[in-house]
Amino acid sequence: MSDPALDEIAERPKPGEPVRDGIGEEDHPIPTWFNVTFAASIVFALFYAPYYMLSGWSSSGQWAE
């Protein structure tokens, strides 16, 4: 015997059960442009961080000029 209150807590609908209120959960993959932008930002950070730390440039030095 199933408790009706617990049936309402399920995250995914049971097979063969209609979607309630016309709202259904869809599982779409992340867009390619998002993945490419994310990977490009990581590559940029891998080059920019060492350059910034090793170049000796600082905003206080720039302000003093």
PDB file of N, CA and C in Angstrom:
ATOM      1  N   MET A   1       0.835  -1.180   0.000  1.00  0.00           N
ATOM      2  CA  MET A   1       0.000   0.000   0.000  1.00  0.00           C
ATOM      3  C   MET A   1       0.874   1.236   0.000  1.00  0.00           C
ATOM      4  N   SER A   2       0.518   2.126  -0.825  1.00  0.00           N
ATOM      5  CA  SER A   2       1.294   3.340  -1.021  1.00  0.00           C
ATOM      6  C   SER A   2       0.617   4.508  -0.317  1.00  0.00           C
ATOM      7  N   ASP A   3       1.429   5.358   0.292  1.00  0.00           N
ATOM      8  CA  ASP A   3       0.908   6.552   0.967  1.00  0.00           C
ATOM      9  C   ASP A   3       0.726   7.653  -0.077  1.00  0.00           C
ATOM     10  N   PRO A   4      -0.484   8.180  -0.277  1.00  0.00           N
ATOM     11  CA  PRO A   4      -0.707   9.215  -1.295  1.00  0.00           C
ATOM     12  C   PRO A   4       0.125  10.473  -1.072  1.00  0.00           C
ATOM     13  N   ALA A   5       0.429  10.798   0.172  1.00  0.00           N
ATOM     14  CA  ALA A   5       1.232  11.995   0.448  1.00  0.00           C
ATOM     15  C   ALA A   5       2.647  11.821  -0.085  1.00  0.00           C
ATOM     16  N   LEU A   6       3.184  10.616  -0.010  1.00  0.00           N
ATOM     17  CA  LEU A   6       4.543  10.369  -0.495  1.00  0.00           C
ATOM     18  C   LEU A   6       4.595  10.340  -2.019  1.00  0.00           C
ATOM     19  N   ASP A   7       3.503   9.969  -2.667  1.00  0.00           N
ATOM     20  CA  ASP A   7       3.473   9.944  -4.129  1.00  0.00           C
ATOM     21  C   ASP A   7       3.637  11.341  -4.719  1.00  0.00           C
ATOM     22  N   GLU A   8       3.232  12.367  -4.004  1.00  0.00           N
ATOM     23  CA  GLU A   8       3.317  13.742  -4.494  1.00  0.00           C
ATOM     24  C   GLU A   8       4.736  14.295  -4.407  1.00  0.00           C
ATOM     25  N   ILE A   9       5.629  13.655  -3.667  1.00  0.00           N
ATOM     26  CA  ILE A   9       6.983  14.162  -3.445  1.00  0.00           C
ATOM     27  C   ILE A   9       7.934  13.743  -4.567  1.00  0.00           C
ATOM     28  N   ALA A  10       7.574  12.772  -5.356  1.00  0.00           N
ATOM     29  CA  ALA A  10       8.466  12.234  -6.386  1.00  0.00           C
ATOM     30  C   ALA A  10       8.972  13.344  -7.306  1.00  0.00           C
ATOM     31  N   GLU A  11      10.268  13.290  -7.630  1.00  0.00           N
ATOM     32  CA  GLU A  11      10.876  14.315  -8.475  1.00  0.00           C
ATOM     33  C   GLU A  11      10.543  14.107  -9.952  1.00  0.00           C
ATOM     34  N   ARG A  12      10.473  12.895 -10.376  1.00  0.00           N
ATOM     35  CA  ARG A  12      10.191  12.597 -11.777  1.00  0.00           C
ATOM     36  C   ARG A  12       8.838  11.885 -11.863  1.00  0.00           C
ATOM     37  N   PRO A  13       8.091  12.178 -12.916  1.00  0.00           N
ATOM     38  CA  PRO A  13       6.805  11.497 -13.057  1.00  0.00           C
ATOM     39  C   PRO A  13       7.015  10.011 -13.322  1.00  0.00           C
ATOM     40  N   LYS A  14       6.056   9.240 -12.888  1.00  0.00           N
ATOM     41  CA  LYS A  14       6.120   7.800 -13.120  1.00  0.00           C
ATOM     42  C   LYS A  14       5.808   7.519 -14.585  1.00  0.00           C
ATOM     43  N   PRO A  15       6.377   6.459 -15.150  1.00  0.00           N
ATOM     44  CA  PRO A  15       6.111   6.137 -16.556  1.00  0.00           C
ATOM     45  C   PRO A  15       4.616   5.951 -16.805  1.00  0.00           C
ATOM     46  N   GLY A  16       4.146   6.549 -17.879  1.00  0.00           N
ATOM     47  CA  GLY A  16       2.744   6.423 -18.236  1.00  0.00           C
ATOM     48  C   GLY A  16       1.829   7.391 -17.510  1.00  0.00           C
ATOM     49  N   GLU A  17       2.364   8.190 -16.620  1.00  0.00           N
ATOM     50  CA  GLU A  17       1.557   9.151 -15.872  1.00  0.00           C
ATOM     51  C   GLU A  17       1.573  10.495 -16.594  1.00  0.00           C
ATOM     52  N   PRO A  18       0.422  11.160 -16.732  1.00  0.00           N
ATOM     53  CA  PRO A  18       0.408  12.452 -17.436  1.00  0.00           C
ATOM     54  C   PRO A  18       1.140  13.535 -16.648  1.00  0.00           C
ATOM     55  N   VAL A  19       1.625  14.526 -17.380  1.00  0.00           N
ATOM     56  CA  VAL A  19       2.314  15.650 -16.747  1.00  0.00           C
ATOM     57  C   VAL A  19       1.273  16.515 -16.054  1.00  0.00           C
ATOM     58  N   ARG A  20       1.549  16.893 -14.825  1.00  0.00           N
ATOM     59  CA  ARG A  20       0.590  17.672 -14.050  1.00  0.00           C
ATOM     60  C   ARG A  20       0.642  19.140 -14.431  1.00  0.00           C
ATOM     61  N   ASP A  21      -0.498  19.754 -14.530  1.00  0.00           N
ATOM     62  CA  ASP A  21      -0.645  21.186 -14.799  1.00  0.00           C
ATOM     63  C   ASP A  21       0.026  21.616 -16.101  1.00  0.00           C
ATOM     64  N   GLY A  22       0.330  20.693 -16.973  1.00  0.00           N
ATOM     65  CA  GLY A  22       0.959  21.048 -18.238  1.00  0.00           C
ATOM     66  C   GLY A  22       2.421  21.433 -18.106  1.00  0.00           C
ATOM     67  N   ILE A  23       2.998  21.209 -16.929  1.00  0.00           N
ATOM     68  CA  ILE A  23       4.397  21.567 -16.704  1.00  0.00           C
ATOM     69  C   ILE A  23       5.200  20.277 -16.623  1.00  0.00           C
ATOM     70  N   GLY A  24       6.193  20.159 -17.467  1.00  0.00           N
ATOM     71  CA  GLY A  24       7.034  18.978 -17.449  1.00  0.00           C
ATOM     72  C   GLY A  24       8.496  19.366 -17.349  1.00  0.00           C
ATOM     73  N   GLU A  25       9.291  18.502 -16.763  1.00  0.00           N
ATOM     74  CA  GLU A  25      10.720  18.762 -16.648  1.00  0.00           C
ATOM     75  C   GLU A  25      11.404  18.256 -17.910  1.00  0.00           C
ATOM     76  N   GLU A  26      12.153  19.124 -18.545  1.00  0.00           N
ATOM     77  CA  GLU A  26      12.865  18.733 -19.748  1.00  0.00           C
ATOM     78  C   GLU A  26      14.353  18.687 -19.445  1.00  0.00           C
ATOM     79  N   ASP A  27      15.034  17.791 -20.080  1.00  0.00           N
ATOM     80  CA  ASP A  27      16.463  17.616 -19.838  1.00  0.00           C
ATOM     81  C   ASP A  27      17.212  17.940 -21.129  1.00  0.00           C
ATOM     82  N   HIS A  28      17.599  19.202 -21.273  1.00  0.00           N
ATOM     83  CA  HIS A  28      18.324  19.634 -22.462  1.00  0.00           C
ATOM     84  C   HIS A  28      19.813  19.751 -22.137  1.00  0.00           C
ATOM     85  N   PRO A  29      20.678  19.410 -23.079  1.00  0.00           N
ATOM     86  CA  PRO A  29      22.116  19.569 -22.842  1.00  0.00           C
ATOM     87  C   PRO A  29      22.505  21.046 -22.815  1.00  0.00           C
ATOM     88  N   ILE A  30      23.629  21.333 -22.178  1.00  0.00           N
ATOM     89  CA  ILE A  30      24.142  22.701 -22.129  1.00  0.00           C
ATOM     90  C   ILE A  30      24.542  23.111 -23.545  1.00  0.00           C
ATOM     91  N   PRO A  31      24.245  24.342 -23.971  1.00  0.00           N
ATOM     92  CA  PRO A  31      24.581  24.774 -25.330  1.00  0.00           C
ATOM     93  C   PRO A  31      26.093  24.747 -25.584  1.00  0.00           C
ATOM     94  N   THR A  32      26.457  24.458 -26.823  1.00  0.00           N
ATOM     95  CA  THR A  32      27.873  24.378 -27.197  1.00  0.00           C
ATOM     96  C   THR A  32      28.580  25.703 -26.976  1.00  0.00           C
ATOM     97  N   TRP A  33      27.919  26.826 -27.292  1.00  0.00           N
ATOM     98  CA  TRP A  33      28.560  28.128 -27.123  1.00  0.00           C
ATOM     99  C   TRP A  33      28.917  28.368 -25.662  1.00  0.00           C
ATOM    100  N   PHE A  34      28.122  27.852 -24.745  1.00  0.00           N
ATOM    101  CA  PHE A  34      28.406  28.029 -23.321  1.00  0.00           C
ATOM    102  C   PHE A  34      29.646  27.234 -22.930  1.00  0.00           C
ATOM    103  N   ASN A  35      29.732  25.981 -23.386  1.00  0.00           N
ATOM    104  CA  ASN A  35      30.902  25.153 -23.078  1.00  0.00           C
ATOM    105  C   ASN A  35      32.173  25.739 -23.682  1.00  0.00           C
ATOM    106  N   VAL A  36      32.092  26.254 -24.914  1.00  0.00           N
ATOM    107  CA  VAL A  36      33.263  26.849 -25.569  1.00  0.00           C
ATOM    108  C   VAL A  36      33.702  28.103 -24.823  1.00  0.00           C
ATOM    109  N   THR A  37      32.762  28.942 -24.437  1.00  0.00           N
ATOM    110  CA  THR A  37      33.095  30.162 -23.693  1.00  0.00           C
ATOM    111  C   THR A  37      33.715  29.825 -22.345  1.00  0.00           C
ATOM    112  N   PHE A  38      33.192  28.830 -21.671  1.00  0.00           N
ATOM    113  CA  PHE A  38      33.732  28.410 -20.380  1.00  0.00           C
ATOM    114  C   PHE A  38      35.168  27.905 -20.528  1.00  0.00           C
ATOM    115  N   ALA A  39      35.417  27.057 -21.531  1.00  0.00           N
ATOM    116  CA  ALA A  39      36.764  26.530 -21.761  1.00  0.00           C
ATOM    117  C   ALA A  39      37.725  27.646 -22.151  1.00  0.00           C
ATOM    118  N   ALA A  40      37.270  28.593 -22.974  1.00  0.00           N
ATOM    119  CA  ALA A  40      38.124  29.712 -23.381  1.00  0.00           C
ATOM    120  C   ALA A  40      38.485  30.593 -22.193  1.00  0.00           C
ATOM    121  N   SER A  41      37.564  30.784 -21.262  1.00  0.00           N
ATOM    122  CA  SER A  41      37.873  31.607 -20.087  1.00  0.00           C
ATOM    123  C   SER A  41      38.909  30.924 -19.199  1.00  0.00           C
ATOM    124  N   ILE A  42      38.873  29.607 -19.120  1.00  0.00           N
ATOM    125  CA  ILE A  42      39.877  28.881 -18.334  1.00  0.00           C
ATOM    126  C   ILE A  42      41.239  28.982 -19.005  1.00  0.00           C
ATOM    127  N   VAL A  43      41.294  28.810 -20.326  1.00  0.00           N
ATOM    128  CA  VAL A  43      42.562  28.927 -21.056  1.00  0.00           C
ATOM    129  C   VAL A  43      43.119  30.340 -20.905  1.00  0.00           C
ATOM    130  N   PHE A  44      42.271  31.353 -21.024  1.00  0.00           N
ATOM    131  CA  PHE A  44      42.704  32.740 -20.848  1.00  0.00           C
ATOM    132  C   PHE A  44      43.282  32.949 -19.452  1.00  0.00           C
ATOM    133  N   ALA A  45      42.619  32.423 -18.436  1.00  0.00           N
ATOM    134  CA  ALA A  45      43.089  32.586 -17.059  1.00  0.00           C
ATOM    135  C   ALA A  45      44.432  31.899 -16.840  1.00  0.00           C
ATOM    136  N   LEU A  46      44.650  30.754 -17.490  1.00  0.00           N
ATOM    137  CA  LEU A  46      45.918  30.035 -17.332  1.00  0.00           C
ATOM    138  C   LEU A  46      47.097  30.829 -17.885  1.00  0.00           C
ATOM    139  N   PHE A  47      46.864  31.648 -18.895  1.00  0.00           N
ATOM    140  CA  PHE A  47      47.932  32.485 -19.446  1.00  0.00           C
ATOM    141  C   PHE A  47      47.999  33.845 -18.769  1.00  0.00           C
ATOM    142  N   TYR A  48      46.862  34.417 -18.429  1.00  0.00           N
ATOM    143  CA  TYR A  48      46.822  35.775 -17.883  1.00  0.00           C
ATOM    144  C   TYR A  48      47.340  35.841 -16.449  1.00  0.00           C
ATOM    145  N   ALA A  49      46.973  34.890 -15.611  1.00  0.00           N
ATOM    146  CA  ALA A  49      47.377  34.938 -14.200  1.00  0.00           C
ATOM    147  C   ALA A  49      48.897  34.927 -14.040  1.00  0.00           C
ATOM    148  N   PRO A  50      49.634  33.999 -14.661  1.00  0.00           N
ATOM    149  CA  PRO A  50      51.097  34.054 -14.521  1.00  0.00           C
ATOM    150  C   PRO A  50      51.694  35.329 -15.127  1.00  0.00           C
ATOM    151  N   TYR A  51      51.158  35.775 -16.257  1.00  0.00           N
ATOM    152  CA  TYR A  51      51.659  37.005 -16.870  1.00  0.00           C
ATOM    153  C   TYR A  51      51.495  38.184 -15.919  1.00  0.00           C
ATOM    154  N   TYR A  52      50.324  38.299 -15.315  1.00  0.00           N
ATOM    155  CA  TYR A  52      50.054  39.416 -14.405  1.00  0.00           C
ATOM    156  C   TYR A  52      50.968  39.352 -13.186  1.00  0.00           C
ATOM    157  N   MET A  53      51.173  38.147 -12.638  1.00  0.00           N
ATOM    158  CA  MET A  53      51.985  38.014 -11.424  1.00  0.00           C
ATOM    159  C   MET A  53      53.472  38.210 -11.707  1.00  0.00           C
ATOM    160  N   LEU A  54      53.945  37.810 -12.878  1.00  0.00           N
ATOM    161  CA  LEU A  54      55.372  37.870 -13.173  1.00  0.00           C
ATOM    162  C   LEU A  54      55.795  39.143 -13.902  1.00  0.00           C
ATOM    163  N   SER A  55      54.855  39.942 -14.379  1.00  0.00           N
ATOM    164  CA  SER A  55      55.215  41.129 -15.152  1.00  0.00           C
ATOM    165  C   SER A  55      55.686  42.283 -14.279  1.00  0.00           C
ATOM    166  N   GLY A  56      55.351  42.272 -13.002  1.00  0.00           N
ATOM    167  CA  GLY A  56      55.772  43.352 -12.117  1.00  0.00           C
ATOM    168  C   GLY A  56      54.882  44.577 -12.192  1.00  0.00           C
ATOM    169  N   TRP A  57      53.841  44.534 -12.988  1.00  0.00           N
ATOM    170  CA  TRP A  57      52.932  45.662 -13.106  1.00  0.00           C
ATOM    171  C   TRP A  57      52.023  45.701 -11.894  1.00  0.00           C
ATOM    172  N   SER A  58      51.761  46.912 -11.399  1.00  0.00           N
ATOM    173  CA  SER A  58      50.798  47.065 -10.311  1.00  0.00           C
ATOM    174  C   SER A  58      50.045  48.367 -10.503  1.00  0.00           C
ATOM    175  N   SER A  59      48.861  48.433  -9.974  1.00  0.00           N
ATOM    176  CA  SER A  59      48.071  49.651 -10.109  1.00  0.00           C
ATOM    177  C   SER A  59      48.675  50.782  -9.287  1.00  0.00           C
ATOM    178  N   SER A  60      49.301  50.464  -8.147  1.00  0.00           N
ATOM    179  CA  SER A  60      49.932  51.522  -7.346  1.00  0.00           C
ATOM    180  C   SER A  60      51.144  52.096  -8.078  1.00  0.00           C
ATOM    181  N   GLY A  61      51.896  51.263  -8.789  1.00  0.00           N
ATOM    182  CA  GLY A  61      53.015  51.754  -9.585  1.00  0.00           C
ATOM    183  C   GLY A  61      52.539  52.600 -10.746  1.00  0.00           C
ATOM    184  N   GLN A  62      51.448  52.226 -11.339  1.00  0.00           N
ATOM    185  CA  GLN A  62      50.868  52.997 -12.432  1.00  0.00           C
ATOM    186  C   GLN A  62      50.379  54.346 -11.918  1.00  0.00           C
ATOM    187  N   TRP A  63      49.804  54.378 -10.739  1.00  0.00           N
ATOM    188  CA  TRP A  63      49.281  55.620 -10.158  1.00  0.00           C
ATOM    189  C   TRP A  63      50.424  56.577  -9.816  1.00  0.00           C
ATOM    190  N   ALA A  64      51.590  56.033  -9.406  1.00  0.00           N
ATOM    191  CA  ALA A  64      52.739  56.856  -9.025  1.00  0.00           C
ATOM    192  C   ALA A  64      53.349  57.561 -10.232  1.00  0.00           C
ATOM    193  N   GLU A  65      53.175  57.024 -11.428  1.00  0.00           N
ATOM    194  CA  GLU A  65      53.754  57.638 -12.627  1.00  0.00           C
ATOM    195  C   GLU A  65      53.058  58.861 -12.982  1.00  0.00           C
TER     196      GLU A  65
END
